[in-house]
Every structure is written in C-alpha cells, then in structure tokens.
Amino acid sequence: MKRQHHCFLLYAVLVSISCTTVKKNDTPPSLTTPEPLPAFSFGNPVLGSAAANSNVPAAVLLQIPLLLDNPGHDRYEIQNLDLQATLYRKDEDRILKPETIQWSPPTEGRPFLDASSSLSGTISFKVPLENILFEHPADSPEAEGTETATIACTVVSLLQNARGEPKKIDQTITIPLPRIYKPQVQIISIAVKRAELINTRLKVRILIKNPNPFPLSLSRFSYELYGNGRFWADGNMADLGTIASNEAQEKDIYLLMNFINMKRDLLDQVIALKSVQYRFHGDVTIGTPFSYLPVFPFTFDRAGNSPVIE
C-alpha cells in the first residue's frame, strides 16, 4: 500500500512538470513592422548651357533629376530642404551654391508627400568652365593624368507626419565631370597661287590638333587679306570638315582674290612669281558635339612675305 502511494506521488510530480514546460514554450506575440520612411534617389545628371546667346560660356549648368518616394502609409509635410554641393579637385575643394529644387509640378509653400506617392524635381547649379576645360596636355604636361574633378551633392530634408513626429532623411550623389582639352589651331604656310590675270588664289595650310576622345569640326573660317599694304580680299567659309578624335590634321584652304582694285605692281609681282608682302587676319571656329560648349573660337593675325607659286 505504501509503495502504491509513492508511485502516485511520482506520477503527479511528472504531470505538473510537463504542464509547466508547455506553458513556457508558448509562442511570443509578433512584433509590429516599422513604417518605411520616404527616401531620395537621383537620376542621370545632365550638363547644359548656363548662358543664353553665348558660344563661350563662363560656366555650364549641371542638372540632377531628383525623386522623393514615399512607400509607406503616412502623409508627410516637408518642413525644410537643404542642398549642399562640393567640387573636389586635386588642388582644391570648392563649395558650390545649388539653386532651389524645382518640383514638377510646381508647389506653393511647403510641399506635402502623400502616402504611397512620390515627388519629382530637378537640382540645378552652375559649374565654372575651368573645371571642365583644360589646356592641351602637350602644352601643359602636368595636366596629363590629373584626376577628373568630381562633385558631391547632398540633399537633406526634415519631414513631419500627421502625428507630429519628425523624420530626417538624406542622400548623396557623386558626379565625375568630363575632361575636355582645348584644340590647337596653327597656320603653317601661306602662298599666292598664280591662276589667271584677273583672279588668283591664296593657299592657306592650317594644322588642327584634337586631343579629345570625340570629333571636332572646322565649322567656320573668316578672313581679311592685305597685299602690299592695300586691302585685297575678304570672306568666310563654313563646314570645312571634321577632325577625328585624337587626330592632328592639316587642311589646305583656297581663297579667291582679284586685281581689280589693286595697283599694277602687285599684279606684276604675281606674274613674275616674286614674293608678295601680305597681312592676313581673321577667325577660325572649331565646333564640338556638346550643347554646353558649342565652339572653340580662335583668332589669327599673320604678316610677312608670301611666295607666288604656279
């Protein structure tokens, strides 16, 4: 009888422990998933002209598409928006001044960001041309291999939801700037080419060096020519060909002159194939494929004695 009593007590203890263990293994309550915050993202930056009606601008306009996306269920008011831009070069860092973000469509006052919606806009600021345009590396050896300038642009915003809770968000984009070298233009030789008694031609040979990885065009050539101290001819020519990338090209340009308003001595010199005293000046325009840097202008002014050739 006593043995049966001990077995009953042991069975009761085991049942009690088993019940207690089951209770301790109960699944804990699930945690609430946090509301996703709005976030900034950037599109592809675009360079454009910063000044209207200017072939040689002092700066270019950098525009960065901006998207503010709200994947959550809260509606936010944009309390403030701060833009910071720094230009990094090997020799110096410079703070740039971005303009206010232009939202599309435009907003008045503080913009709101509805739940499950987005706002798009554009960040714009001017970049001094000196950070993109460089001398030909052959003329400035220290420029060869120099690191490209970069711009770091950061947008910071303080948002507030309907419960009055502030949320701070920010995002940064780093943009490498293109590196463009100035081409070189050089007049190699000038010669008067005898053709006929009334008209003759001036043969001008020019050398154009393009150190860039893109083609350039000889888009315009304008000139004035004086022979033996008197005005002889003028004119302009357009679309004279293309200079391929990383190419040095010589071009012969033939300019037409006549002797109608010239003294007899000049005609006699040309007929006798003697040298002619001249002054030759004008402009050369080298075109680029970029809207933000449409042309490279050059001027020339050369005087001396030109041979007369057949």
C-alpha atoms as a PDB file:
ATOM      1  CA  MET A   1       0.000   0.000   0.000  1.00  0.00           C
ATOM      2  CA  LYS A   2       2.817   2.391   0.845  1.00  0.00           C
ATOM      3  CA  ARG A   3       4.553   1.552  -2.462  1.00  0.00           C
ATOM      4  CA  GLN A   4       1.412   2.402  -4.421  1.00  0.00           C
ATOM      5  CA  HIS A   5       1.204   5.723  -2.637  1.00  0.00           C
ATOM      6  CA  HIS A   6       4.785   6.666  -3.666  1.00  0.00           C
ATOM      7  CA  CYS A   7       4.094   5.780  -7.299  1.00  0.00           C
ATOM      8  CA  PHE A   8       1.046   8.050  -7.321  1.00  0.00           C
ATOM      9  CA  LEU A   9       3.052  10.977  -5.945  1.00  0.00           C
ATOM     10  CA  LEU A  10       5.782  10.488  -8.560  1.00  0.00           C
ATOM     11  CA  TYR A  11       3.191  10.441 -11.344  1.00  0.00           C
ATOM     12  CA  ALA A  12       1.619  13.692 -10.022  1.00  0.00           C
ATOM     13  CA  VAL A  13       5.012  15.454  -9.969  1.00  0.00           C
ATOM     14  CA  LEU A  14       5.792  14.430 -13.581  1.00  0.00           C
ATOM     15  CA  VAL A  15       2.419  15.676 -14.796  1.00  0.00           C
ATOM     16  CA  SER A  16       2.993  19.026 -13.036  1.00  0.00           C
ATOM     17  CA  ILE A  17       6.457  19.467 -14.652  1.00  0.00           C
ATOM     18  CA  SER A  18       5.045  18.570 -18.066  1.00  0.00           C
ATOM     19  CA  CYS A  19       2.306  21.193 -17.790  1.00  0.00           C
ATOM     20  CA  THR A  20       4.750  23.850 -16.659  1.00  0.00           C
ATOM     21  CA  THR A  21       7.094  23.140 -19.636  1.00  0.00           C
ATOM     22  CA  VAL A  22       4.280  23.518 -22.171  1.00  0.00           C
ATOM     23  CA  LYS A  23       3.363  26.901 -20.790  1.00  0.00           C
ATOM     24  CA  LYS A  24       6.959  28.151 -21.023  1.00  0.00           C
ATOM     25  CA  ASN A  25       7.120  27.214 -24.757  1.00  0.00           C
ATOM     26  CA  ASP A  26       4.118  29.349 -25.724  1.00  0.00           C
ATOM     27  CA  THR A  27       4.824  31.477 -28.913  1.00  0.00           C
ATOM     28  CA  PRO A  28       5.598  35.152 -28.060  1.00  0.00           C
ATOM     29  CA  PRO A  29       3.413  37.893 -29.584  1.00  0.00           C
ATOM     30  CA  SER A  30       4.571  39.096 -33.075  1.00  0.00           C
ATOM     31  CA  LEU A  31       6.421  42.463 -33.380  1.00  0.00           C
ATOM     32  CA  THR A  32       4.926  45.358 -35.360  1.00  0.00           C
ATOM     33  CA  THR A  33       6.745  46.043 -38.681  1.00  0.00           C
ATOM     34  CA  PRO A  34       8.118  49.628 -38.705  1.00  0.00           C
ATOM     35  CA  GLU A  35       6.623  52.062 -41.210  1.00  0.00           C
ATOM     36  CA  PRO A  36       9.036  52.548 -44.174  1.00  0.00           C
ATOM     37  CA  LEU A  37      10.383  56.092 -44.442  1.00  0.00           C
ATOM     38  CA  PRO A  38      10.430  58.196 -47.609  1.00  0.00           C
ATOM     39  CA  ALA A  39      13.765  58.192 -49.466  1.00  0.00           C
ATOM     40  CA  PHE A  40      15.583  60.303 -52.065  1.00  0.00           C
ATOM     41  CA  SER A  41      17.036  58.905 -55.286  1.00  0.00           C
ATOM     42  CA  PHE A  42      18.818  60.586 -58.212  1.00  0.00           C
ATOM     43  CA  GLY A  43      18.556  60.301 -61.983  1.00  0.00           C
ATOM     44  CA  ASN A  44      21.340  60.718 -64.520  1.00  0.00           C
ATOM     45  CA  PRO A  45      22.964  64.182 -64.322  1.00  0.00           C
ATOM     46  CA  VAL A  46      22.858  66.342 -67.456  1.00  0.00           C
ATOM     47  CA  LEU A  47      25.168  69.211 -68.491  1.00  0.00           C
ATOM     48  CA  GLY A  48      23.636  72.145 -70.356  1.00  0.00           C
ATOM     49  CA  SER A  49      24.331  75.719 -71.355  1.00  0.00           C
ATOM     50  CA  ALA A  50      24.308  78.150 -68.433  1.00  0.00           C
ATOM     51  CA  ALA A  51      24.093  81.326 -70.529  1.00  0.00           C
ATOM     52  CA  ALA A  52      21.861  82.066 -73.486  1.00  0.00           C
ATOM     53  CA  ASN A  53      23.356  83.502 -76.679  1.00  0.00           C
ATOM     54  CA  SER A  54      26.914  82.714 -75.628  1.00  0.00           C
ATOM     55  CA  ASN A  55      29.185  80.449 -77.655  1.00  0.00           C
ATOM     56  CA  VAL A  56      31.881  80.582 -74.990  1.00  0.00           C
ATOM     57  CA  PRO A  57      30.147  80.424 -71.567  1.00  0.00           C
ATOM     58  CA  ALA A  58      31.978  81.057 -68.302  1.00  0.00           C
ATOM     59  CA  ALA A  59      30.078  78.199 -66.667  1.00  0.00           C
ATOM     60  CA  VAL A  60      27.956  75.180 -67.522  1.00  0.00           C
ATOM     61  CA  LEU A  61      24.650  74.204 -65.950  1.00  0.00           C
ATOM     62  CA  LEU A  62      24.538  70.870 -64.119  1.00  0.00           C
ATOM     63  CA  GLN A  63      21.027  69.459 -63.640  1.00  0.00           C
ATOM     64  CA  ILE A  64      20.296  66.411 -61.480  1.00  0.00           C
ATOM     65  CA  PRO A  65      16.853  64.732 -61.560  1.00  0.00           C
ATOM     66  CA  LEU A  66      15.582  64.062 -58.015  1.00  0.00           C
ATOM     67  CA  LEU A  67      12.863  61.692 -56.816  1.00  0.00           C
ATOM     68  CA  LEU A  68      11.365  61.645 -53.310  1.00  0.00           C
ATOM     69  CA  ASP A  69       9.429  58.393 -52.896  1.00  0.00           C
ATOM     70  CA  ASN A  70       7.074  57.514 -50.012  1.00  0.00           C
ATOM     71  CA  PRO A  71       6.315  53.748 -49.893  1.00  0.00           C
ATOM     72  CA  GLY A  72       4.520  53.962 -46.544  1.00  0.00           C
ATOM     73  CA  HIS A  73       1.021  54.837 -45.325  1.00  0.00           C
ATOM     74  CA  ASP A  74       1.875  58.116 -43.566  1.00  0.00           C
ATOM     75  CA  ARG A  75       1.442  61.549 -45.118  1.00  0.00           C
ATOM     76  CA  TYR A  76       4.390  63.909 -44.618  1.00  0.00           C
ATOM     77  CA  GLU A  77       4.940  67.637 -44.714  1.00  0.00           C
ATOM     78  CA  ILE A  78       8.380  68.679 -45.952  1.00  0.00           C
ATOM     79  CA  GLN A  79       9.473  71.037 -43.176  1.00  0.00           C
ATOM     80  CA  ASN A  80      12.745  72.095 -44.800  1.00  0.00           C
ATOM     81  CA  LEU A  81      15.077  71.073 -47.593  1.00  0.00           C
ATOM     82  CA  ASP A  82      18.825  71.729 -47.628  1.00  0.00           C
ATOM     83  CA  LEU A  83      21.183  71.314 -50.594  1.00  0.00           C
ATOM     84  CA  GLN A  84      24.937  71.013 -50.263  1.00  0.00           C
ATOM     85  CA  ALA A  85      27.381  70.676 -53.168  1.00  0.00           C
ATOM     86  CA  THR A  86      31.179  70.425 -53.044  1.00  0.00           C
ATOM     87  CA  LEU A  87      33.529  70.441 -56.019  1.00  0.00           C
ATOM     88  CA  TYR A  88      36.591  68.270 -55.453  1.00  0.00           C
ATOM     89  CA  ARG A  89      39.772  68.828 -57.456  1.00  0.00           C
ATOM     90  CA  LYS A  90      43.295  67.609 -56.932  1.00  0.00           C
ATOM     91  CA  ASP A  91      44.458  71.099 -55.968  1.00  0.00           C
ATOM     92  CA  GLU A  92      41.409  72.442 -54.088  1.00  0.00           C
ATOM     93  CA  ASP A  93      37.868  71.896 -52.832  1.00  0.00           C
ATOM     94  CA  ARG A  94      35.175  74.450 -53.520  1.00  0.00           C
ATOM     95  CA  ILE A  95      31.643  74.895 -52.177  1.00  0.00           C
ATOM     96  CA  LEU A  96      29.055  75.423 -54.915  1.00  0.00           C
ATOM     97  CA  LYS A  97      25.689  77.075 -54.468  1.00  0.00           C
ATOM     98  CA  PRO A  98      22.835  74.949 -55.820  1.00  0.00           C
ATOM     99  CA  GLU A  99      19.587  76.645 -56.698  1.00  0.00           C
ATOM    100  CA  THR A 100      16.301  75.734 -55.003  1.00  0.00           C
ATOM    101  CA  ILE A 101      14.845  72.420 -56.149  1.00  0.00           C
ATOM    102  CA  GLN A 102      12.270  72.885 -58.886  1.00  0.00           C
ATOM    103  CA  TRP A 103       9.423  70.443 -58.220  1.00  0.00           C
ATOM    104  CA  SER A 104       7.268  69.128 -61.033  1.00  0.00           C
ATOM    105  CA  PRO A 105       4.502  70.137 -60.947  1.00  0.00           C
ATOM    106  CA  PRO A 106       5.462  73.358 -59.079  1.00  0.00           C
ATOM    107  CA  THR A 107       4.339  73.624 -55.451  1.00  0.00           C
ATOM    108  CA  GLU A 108       3.426  76.625 -53.321  1.00  0.00           C
ATOM    109  CA  GLY A 109       4.610  76.851 -49.734  1.00  0.00           C
ATOM    110  CA  ARG A 110       5.741  73.680 -48.021  1.00  0.00           C
ATOM    111  CA  PRO A 111       5.087  70.673 -50.228  1.00  0.00           C
ATOM    112  CA  PHE A 112       3.305  67.567 -48.905  1.00  0.00           C
ATOM    113  CA  LEU A 113       4.131  63.958 -49.659  1.00  0.00           C
ATOM    114  CA  ASP A 114       1.037  61.773 -49.643  1.00  0.00           C
ATOM    115  CA  ALA A 115       1.059  58.107 -48.663  1.00  0.00           C
ATOM    116  CA  SER A 116       2.275  55.700 -51.377  1.00  0.00           C
ATOM    117  CA  SER A 117       3.227  58.588 -53.662  1.00  0.00           C
ATOM    118  CA  SER A 118       6.321  60.431 -54.912  1.00  0.00           C
ATOM    119  CA  LEU A 119       7.566  63.901 -55.830  1.00  0.00           C
ATOM    120  CA  SER A 120       9.947  64.597 -58.692  1.00  0.00           C
ATOM    121  CA  GLY A 121      12.133  67.643 -59.172  1.00  0.00           C
ATOM    122  CA  THR A 122      15.430  68.946 -60.529  1.00  0.00           C
ATOM    123  CA  ILE A 123      18.519  70.267 -58.750  1.00  0.00           C
ATOM    124  CA  SER A 124      20.393  72.871 -60.817  1.00  0.00           C
ATOM    125  CA  PHE A 125      23.638  74.724 -60.254  1.00  0.00           C
ATOM    126  CA  LYS A 126      26.420  76.317 -62.272  1.00  0.00           C
ATOM    127  CA  VAL A 127      29.868  74.767 -62.573  1.00  0.00           C
ATOM    128  CA  PRO A 128      32.758  77.068 -63.583  1.00  0.00           C
ATOM    129  CA  LEU A 129      34.036  76.075 -67.026  1.00  0.00           C
ATOM    130  CA  GLU A 130      37.621  75.931 -65.748  1.00  0.00           C
ATOM    131  CA  ASN A 131      36.746  72.649 -64.028  1.00  0.00           C
ATOM    132  CA  ILE A 132      35.891  71.004 -67.355  1.00  0.00           C
ATOM    133  CA  LEU A 133      38.091  72.742 -69.920  1.00  0.00           C
ATOM    134  CA  PHE A 134      41.876  72.249 -69.864  1.00  0.00           C
ATOM    135  CA  GLU A 135      44.875  73.163 -71.967  1.00  0.00           C
ATOM    136  CA  HIS A 136      46.271  70.688 -74.447  1.00  0.00           C
ATOM    137  CA  PRO A 137      48.334  68.155 -72.419  1.00  0.00           C
ATOM    138  CA  ALA A 138      51.350  68.655 -74.719  1.00  0.00           C
ATOM    139  CA  ASP A 139      51.435  72.308 -73.638  1.00  0.00           C
ATOM    140  CA  SER A 140      50.768  71.520 -70.007  1.00  0.00           C
ATOM    141  CA  PRO A 141      52.449  68.191 -69.155  1.00  0.00           C
ATOM    142  CA  GLU A 142      51.424  68.398 -65.514  1.00  0.00           C
ATOM    143  CA  ALA A 143      47.788  68.165 -66.623  1.00  0.00           C
ATOM    144  CA  GLU A 144      48.337  64.735 -68.168  1.00  0.00           C
ATOM    145  CA  GLY A 145      46.898  62.064 -65.906  1.00  0.00           C
ATOM    146  CA  THR A 146      45.393  64.574 -63.473  1.00  0.00           C
ATOM    147  CA  GLU A 147      42.347  63.221 -61.702  1.00  0.00           C
ATOM    148  CA  THR A 148      38.988  64.298 -63.062  1.00  0.00           C
ATOM    149  CA  ALA A 149      37.106  66.793 -60.934  1.00  0.00           C
ATOM    150  CA  THR A 150      34.060  65.430 -59.105  1.00  0.00           C
ATOM    151  CA  ILE A 151      31.027  66.990 -57.455  1.00  0.00           C
ATOM    152  CA  ALA A 152      29.338  65.572 -54.352  1.00  0.00           C
ATOM    153  CA  CYS A 153      25.752  66.791 -53.979  1.00  0.00           C
ATOM    154  CA  THR A 154      23.790  66.043 -50.784  1.00  0.00           C
ATOM    155  CA  VAL A 155      20.111  66.693 -50.190  1.00  0.00           C
ATOM    156  CA  VAL A 156      18.848  66.734 -46.582  1.00  0.00           C
ATOM    157  CA  SER A 157      15.222  67.079 -45.563  1.00  0.00           C
ATOM    158  CA  LEU A 158      13.211  67.198 -42.326  1.00  0.00           C
ATOM    159  CA  LEU A 159       9.777  65.601 -42.667  1.00  0.00           C
ATOM    160  CA  GLN A 160       6.834  65.547 -40.250  1.00  0.00           C
ATOM    161  CA  ASN A 161       3.974  63.083 -40.297  1.00  0.00           C
ATOM    162  CA  ALA A 162       0.355  63.636 -39.165  1.00  0.00           C
ATOM    163  CA  ARG A 163       1.261  62.626 -35.587  1.00  0.00           C
ATOM    164  CA  GLY A 164       3.830  65.439 -35.413  1.00  0.00           C
ATOM    165  CA  GLU A 165       6.796  63.042 -35.463  1.00  0.00           C
ATOM    166  CA  PRO A 166       9.910  64.488 -37.185  1.00  0.00           C
ATOM    167  CA  LYS A 167      11.866  62.302 -39.580  1.00  0.00           C
ATOM    168  CA  LYS A 168      15.228  63.295 -41.098  1.00  0.00           C
ATOM    169  CA  ILE A 169      16.350  61.799 -44.421  1.00  0.00           C
ATOM    170  CA  ASP A 170      19.347  62.478 -46.665  1.00  0.00           C
ATOM    171  CA  GLN A 171      21.068  61.158 -49.785  1.00  0.00           C
ATOM    172  CA  THR A 172      24.316  61.948 -51.655  1.00  0.00           C
ATOM    173  CA  ILE A 173      25.341  61.573 -55.284  1.00  0.00           C
ATOM    174  CA  THR A 174      28.929  61.825 -56.591  1.00  0.00           C
ATOM    175  CA  ILE A 175      29.326  63.040 -60.178  1.00  0.00           C
ATOM    176  CA  PRO A 176      32.566  62.859 -62.195  1.00  0.00           C
ATOM    177  CA  LEU A 177      32.893  65.854 -64.527  1.00  0.00           C
ATOM    178  CA  PRO A 178      34.031  65.422 -68.139  1.00  0.00           C
ATOM    179  CA  ARG A 179      37.559  66.497 -69.043  1.00  0.00           C
ATOM    180  CA  ILE A 180      37.812  68.448 -72.305  1.00  0.00           C
ATOM    181  CA  TYR A 181      41.049  69.702 -73.838  1.00  0.00           C
ATOM    182  CA  LYS A 182      41.289  72.814 -75.970  1.00  0.00           C
ATOM    183  CA  PRO A 183      42.252  72.015 -79.561  1.00  0.00           C
ATOM    184  CA  GLN A 184      45.190  73.737 -81.253  1.00  0.00           C
ATOM    185  CA  VAL A 185      44.990  75.705 -84.491  1.00  0.00           C
ATOM    186  CA  GLN A 186      48.111  76.831 -86.335  1.00  0.00           C
ATOM    187  CA  ILE A 187      48.656  78.422 -89.757  1.00  0.00           C
ATOM    188  CA  ILE A 188      51.602  76.514 -91.228  1.00  0.00           C
ATOM    189  CA  SER A 189      52.084  78.292 -94.551  1.00  0.00           C
ATOM    190  CA  ILE A 190      50.620  80.918 -96.862  1.00  0.00           C
ATOM    191  CA  ALA A 191      51.315  81.147-100.571  1.00  0.00           C
ATOM    192  CA  VAL A 192      49.834  83.086-103.501  1.00  0.00           C
ATOM    193  CA  LYS A 193      48.904  80.670-106.281  1.00  0.00           C
ATOM    194  CA  ARG A 194      49.021  82.228-109.754  1.00  0.00           C
ATOM    195  CA  ALA A 195      45.934  81.281-111.715  1.00  0.00           C
ATOM    196  CA  GLU A 196      44.943  83.917-114.303  1.00  0.00           C
ATOM    197  CA  LEU A 197      45.414  87.620-114.884  1.00  0.00           C
ATOM    198  CA  ILE A 198      42.206  88.791-113.219  1.00  0.00           C
ATOM    199  CA  ASN A 199      41.880  86.288-110.387  1.00  0.00           C
ATOM    200  CA  THR A 200      44.339  84.423-108.248  1.00  0.00           C
ATOM    201  CA  ARG A 201      44.139  82.282-105.140  1.00  0.00           C
ATOM    202  CA  LEU A 202      45.687  82.269-101.691  1.00  0.00           C
ATOM    203  CA  LYS A 203      46.643  78.819-100.470  1.00  0.00           C
ATOM    204  CA  VAL A 204      46.450  78.627 -96.667  1.00  0.00           C
ATOM    205  CA  ARG A 205      47.579  75.462 -94.903  1.00  0.00           C
ATOM    206  CA  ILE A 206      46.410  75.095 -91.319  1.00  0.00           C
ATOM    207  CA  LEU A 207      47.133  72.445 -88.694  1.00  0.00           C
ATOM    208  CA  ILE A 208      44.410  71.430 -86.223  1.00  0.00           C
ATOM    209  CA  LYS A 209      45.164  69.137 -83.275  1.00  0.00           C
ATOM    210  CA  ASN A 210      42.289  67.435 -81.493  1.00  0.00           C
ATOM    211  CA  PRO A 211      43.450  65.736 -78.246  1.00  0.00           C
ATOM    212  CA  ASN A 212      39.914  64.703 -77.228  1.00  0.00           C
ATOM    213  CA  PRO A 213      38.164  61.315 -77.457  1.00  0.00           C
ATOM    214  CA  PHE A 214      35.422  62.856 -79.638  1.00  0.00           C
ATOM    215  CA  PRO A 215      35.445  64.528 -83.086  1.00  0.00           C
ATOM    216  CA  LEU A 216      35.559  68.277 -83.702  1.00  0.00           C
ATOM    217  CA  SER A 217      34.508  70.227 -86.780  1.00  0.00           C
ATOM    218  CA  LEU A 218      36.102  73.128 -88.651  1.00  0.00           C
ATOM    219  CA  SER A 219      32.814  74.978 -88.759  1.00  0.00           C
ATOM    220  CA  ARG A 220      33.848  78.475 -89.894  1.00  0.00           C
ATOM    221  CA  PHE A 221      36.821  80.335 -91.373  1.00  0.00           C
ATOM    222  CA  SER A 222      36.636  84.120 -91.913  1.00  0.00           C
ATOM    223  CA  TYR A 223      39.475  86.359 -93.095  1.00  0.00           C
ATOM    224  CA  GLU A 224      40.765  89.671 -94.426  1.00  0.00           C
ATOM    225  CA  LEU A 225      43.798  89.846 -96.711  1.00  0.00           C
ATOM    226  CA  TYR A 226      46.025  92.840 -97.495  1.00  0.00           C
ATOM    227  CA  GLY A 227      48.658  92.862-100.252  1.00  0.00           C
ATOM    228  CA  ASN A 228      51.453  95.431-100.360  1.00  0.00           C
ATOM    229  CA  GLY A 229      49.585  97.458 -97.725  1.00  0.00           C
ATOM    230  CA  ARG A 230      46.235  97.587 -99.576  1.00  0.00           C
ATOM    231  CA  PHE A 231      43.023  95.673 -98.898  1.00  0.00           C
ATOM    232  CA  TRP A 232      42.904  92.731-101.270  1.00  0.00           C
ATOM    233  CA  ALA A 233      40.096  90.342-100.296  1.00  0.00           C
ATOM    234  CA  ASP A 234      37.834  89.086 -97.524  1.00  0.00           C
ATOM    235  CA  GLY A 235      35.266  86.392 -97.000  1.00  0.00           C
ATOM    236  CA  ASN A 236      34.145  83.452 -94.888  1.00  0.00           C
ATOM    237  CA  MET A 237      33.716  79.737 -95.406  1.00  0.00           C
ATOM    238  CA  ALA A 238      31.669  77.224 -93.431  1.00  0.00           C
ATOM    239  CA  ASP A 239      31.574  73.465 -92.799  1.00  0.00           C
ATOM    240  CA  LEU A 240      35.130  72.702 -93.865  1.00  0.00           C
ATOM    241  CA  GLY A 241      35.340  69.181 -92.492  1.00  0.00           C
ATOM    242  CA  THR A 242      35.805  67.070 -89.376  1.00  0.00           C
ATOM    243  CA  ILE A 243      38.841  66.409 -87.208  1.00  0.00           C
ATOM    244  CA  ALA A 244      38.599  62.904 -85.783  1.00  0.00           C
ATOM    245  CA  SER A 245      39.256  62.124 -82.124  1.00  0.00           C
ATOM    246  CA  ASN A 246      42.907  62.196 -81.032  1.00  0.00           C
ATOM    247  CA  GLU A 247      43.955  63.357 -84.509  1.00  0.00           C
ATOM    248  CA  ALA A 248      46.248  66.086 -85.894  1.00  0.00           C
ATOM    249  CA  GLN A 249      45.082  67.110 -89.356  1.00  0.00           C
ATOM    250  CA  GLU A 250      46.441  69.528 -91.976  1.00  0.00           C
ATOM    251  CA  LYS A 251      43.959  71.261 -94.261  1.00  0.00           C
ATOM    252  CA  ASP A 252      44.511  73.367 -97.374  1.00  0.00           C
ATOM    253  CA  ILE A 253      42.075  76.244 -97.812  1.00  0.00           C
ATOM    254  CA  TYR A 254      41.986  78.178-101.104  1.00  0.00           C
ATOM    255  CA  LEU A 255      40.780  81.776-101.029  1.00  0.00           C
ATOM    256  CA  LEU A 256      39.891  83.695-104.196  1.00  0.00           C
ATOM    257  CA  MET A 257      41.272  87.203-104.843  1.00  0.00           C
ATOM    258  CA  ASN A 258      41.277  89.555-107.838  1.00  0.00           C
ATOM    259  CA  PHE A 259      43.327  92.539-109.011  1.00  0.00           C
ATOM    260  CA  ILE A 260      40.524  94.930-109.911  1.00  0.00           C
ATOM    261  CA  ASN A 261      41.230  97.366-107.061  1.00  0.00           C
ATOM    262  CA  MET A 262      44.927  96.630-106.692  1.00  0.00           C
ATOM    263  CA  LYS A 263      47.934  98.524-108.027  1.00  0.00           C
ATOM    264  CA  ARG A 264      49.763  97.271-111.094  1.00  0.00           C
ATOM    265  CA  ASP A 265      52.919  96.458-109.137  1.00  0.00           C
ATOM    266  CA  LEU A 266      51.142  93.667-107.237  1.00  0.00           C
ATOM    267  CA  LEU A 267      49.957  92.073-110.469  1.00  0.00           C
ATOM    268  CA  ASP A 268      53.465  92.292-111.919  1.00  0.00           C
ATOM    269  CA  GLN A 269      54.893  90.559-108.828  1.00  0.00           C
ATOM    270  CA  VAL A 270      52.404  87.730-109.142  1.00  0.00           C
ATOM    271  CA  ILE A 271      53.032  87.295-112.868  1.00  0.00           C
ATOM    272  CA  ALA A 272      56.785  87.227-112.260  1.00  0.00           C
ATOM    273  CA  LEU A 273      56.378  84.717-109.408  1.00  0.00           C
ATOM    274  CA  LYS A 274      58.007  87.121-106.991  1.00  0.00           C
ATOM    275  CA  SER A 275      57.154  87.246-103.285  1.00  0.00           C
ATOM    276  CA  VAL A 276      54.260  89.420-102.134  1.00  0.00           C
ATOM    277  CA  GLN A 277      54.060  91.377 -98.908  1.00  0.00           C
ATOM    278  CA  TYR A 278      50.858  90.494 -97.084  1.00  0.00           C
ATOM    279  CA  ARG A 279      48.850  90.740 -93.877  1.00  0.00           C
ATOM    280  CA  PHE A 280      46.333  88.007 -93.174  1.00  0.00           C
ATOM    281  CA  HIS A 281      43.987  88.039 -90.163  1.00  0.00           C
ATOM    282  CA  GLY A 282      40.647  86.566 -89.179  1.00  0.00           C
ATOM    283  CA  ASP A 283      38.848  83.929 -87.103  1.00  0.00           C
ATOM    284  CA  VAL A 284      38.594  80.158 -87.001  1.00  0.00           C
ATOM    285  CA  THR A 285      35.711  78.424 -85.250  1.00  0.00           C
ATOM    286  CA  ILE A 286      36.043  74.808 -84.103  1.00  0.00           C
ATOM    287  CA  GLY A 287      32.714  73.167 -83.292  1.00  0.00           C
ATOM    288  CA  THR A 288      32.033  70.493 -80.652  1.00  0.00           C
ATOM    289  CA  PRO A 289      29.232  67.905 -80.298  1.00  0.00           C
ATOM    290  CA  PHE A 290      28.124  69.418 -76.962  1.00  0.00           C
ATOM    291  CA  SER A 291      25.394  71.984 -76.409  1.00  0.00           C
ATOM    292  CA  TYR A 292      27.015  73.233 -73.192  1.00  0.00           C
ATOM    293  CA  LEU A 293      30.285  74.019 -75.023  1.00  0.00           C
ATOM    294  CA  PRO A 294      29.295  74.669 -78.647  1.00  0.00           C
ATOM    295  CA  VAL A 295      32.534  76.097 -80.111  1.00  0.00           C
ATOM    296  CA  PHE A 296      36.202  76.929 -79.616  1.00  0.00           C
ATOM    297  CA  PRO A 297      36.972  80.325 -81.200  1.00  0.00           C
ATOM    298  CA  PHE A 298      40.463  81.249 -82.423  1.00  0.00           C
ATOM    299  CA  THR A 299      41.851  84.424 -83.960  1.00  0.00           C
ATOM    300  CA  PHE A 300      44.913  84.799 -86.159  1.00  0.00           C
ATOM    301  CA  ASP A 301      46.947  87.743 -87.440  1.00  0.00           C
ATOM    302  CA  ARG A 302      49.904  86.960 -89.627  1.00  0.00           C
ATOM    303  CA  ALA A 303      52.106  89.217 -91.789  1.00  0.00           C
ATOM    304  CA  GLY A 304      55.170  88.650 -93.939  1.00  0.00           C
ATOM    305  CA  ASN A 305      56.255  87.866 -97.466  1.00  0.00           C
ATOM    306  CA  SER A 306      54.452  85.125 -99.347  1.00  0.00           C
ATOM    307  CA  PRO A 307      55.934  83.215-102.278  1.00  0.00           C
ATOM    308  CA  VAL A 308      53.997  83.096-105.552  1.00  0.00           C
ATOM    309  CA  ILE A 309      53.619  79.533-106.842  1.00  0.00           C
ATOM    310  CA  GLU A 310      52.268  78.015-110.044  1.00  0.00           C
END
